[in-house]
Amino acid sequence: MSRKIDPPLTIDEIASITKQGRPSIYRAIDLGHLKTYLVGRRRFARESAVEAWIDKMEKQSDAGAPIVYRPRVGV
């Protein structure tokens, strides 16, 4: 039985899919909201991790407390 593997997405692909800016994506990563991994110096996320992040934002928004990713200070 073969296991289906989620294709890896780059940060730019995640930005294109979610319509979020790179700073928001990196802030989500910093906060542990979006699970990613590094290959060399490049960062990737599985499609399922991006879907989980979108689900998290949607649930929090539905609860009346939307997530606001403010830019990192001093960067």
Protein backbone atom coordinates (compact mmCIF):
# COMPACT_ATOMS: atom_id res chain seq x y z
CA MET A 1 0.00 0.00 0.00
CA SER A 2 1.48 3.34 -1.01
CA ARG A 3 1.21 6.46 1.11
CA LYS A 4 0.09 9.72 -0.47
CA ILE A 5 2.62 12.48 0.11
CA ASP A 6 1.55 16.12 0.23
CA PRO A 7 3.50 18.14 -2.31
CA PRO A 8 5.79 20.72 -0.68
CA LEU A 9 4.90 24.39 -1.06
CA THR A 10 7.34 27.28 -0.97
CA ILE A 11 6.64 30.47 0.97
CA ASP A 12 5.85 32.25 -2.32
CA GLU A 13 3.38 29.51 -3.28
CA ILE A 14 1.74 29.72 0.15
CA ALA A 15 1.44 33.49 -0.28
CA SER A 16 -0.14 33.05 -3.70
CA ILE A 17 -2.60 30.39 -2.51
CA THR A 18 -3.66 32.13 0.72
CA LYS A 19 -3.38 35.76 -0.45
CA GLN A 20 -1.32 36.47 2.68
CA GLY A 21 1.87 38.50 2.59
CA ARG A 22 5.25 36.99 3.35
CA PRO A 23 5.51 38.89 6.70
CA SER A 24 2.20 37.38 7.84
CA ILE A 25 3.31 33.92 6.80
CA TYR A 26 6.64 34.22 8.63
CA ARG A 27 4.83 35.54 11.72
CA ALA A 28 2.48 32.54 11.61
CA ILE A 29 5.54 30.28 11.42
CA ASP A 30 7.19 32.12 14.34
CA LEU A 31 4.04 31.68 16.45
CA GLY A 32 3.77 27.99 15.59
CA HIS A 33 0.53 28.44 13.64
CA LEU A 34 2.01 27.17 10.37
CA LYS A 35 4.22 24.09 10.45
CA THR A 36 7.13 24.22 8.02
CA TYR A 37 10.49 22.56 7.45
CA LEU A 38 13.84 23.60 6.02
CA VAL A 39 15.80 22.01 3.20
CA GLY A 40 19.10 23.80 3.17
CA ARG A 41 18.11 27.46 3.37
CA ARG A 42 14.69 27.00 1.72
CA ARG A 43 11.51 26.70 3.77
CA PHE A 44 8.59 24.49 2.76
CA ALA A 45 5.19 23.49 4.13
CA ARG A 46 2.98 20.57 3.26
CA GLU A 47 -0.40 21.33 1.71
CA SER A 48 -2.02 19.75 4.78
CA ALA A 49 -0.13 22.17 7.07
CA VAL A 50 -1.38 25.14 5.03
CA GLU A 51 -4.93 23.77 5.19
CA ALA A 52 -4.61 23.35 8.98
CA TRP A 53 -3.40 26.97 9.27
CA ILE A 54 -6.35 28.24 7.22
CA ASP A 55 -8.73 26.14 9.35
CA LYS A 56 -7.20 27.65 12.51
CA MET A 57 -7.68 31.20 11.20
CA GLU A 58 -11.25 30.41 10.14
CA LYS A 59 -12.19 28.88 13.52
CA GLN A 60 -10.70 31.80 15.43
CA SER A 61 -12.48 34.28 13.18
CA ASP A 62 -15.78 32.43 13.61
CA ALA A 63 -15.27 32.64 17.39
CA GLY A 64 -15.07 36.43 17.09
CA ALA A 65 -11.32 36.79 17.56
CA PRO A 66 -9.62 36.92 14.16
CA ILE A 67 -5.88 36.42 14.12
CA VAL A 68 -3.87 39.56 13.38
CA TYR A 69 -0.27 38.99 12.38
CA ARG A 70 1.57 42.20 13.15
CA PRO A 71 5.00 42.74 11.64
CA ARG A 72 7.96 41.66 13.72
CA VAL A 73 9.58 44.55 15.59
CA GLY A 74 13.25 45.22 14.96
CA VAL A 75 13.55 43.11 11.83
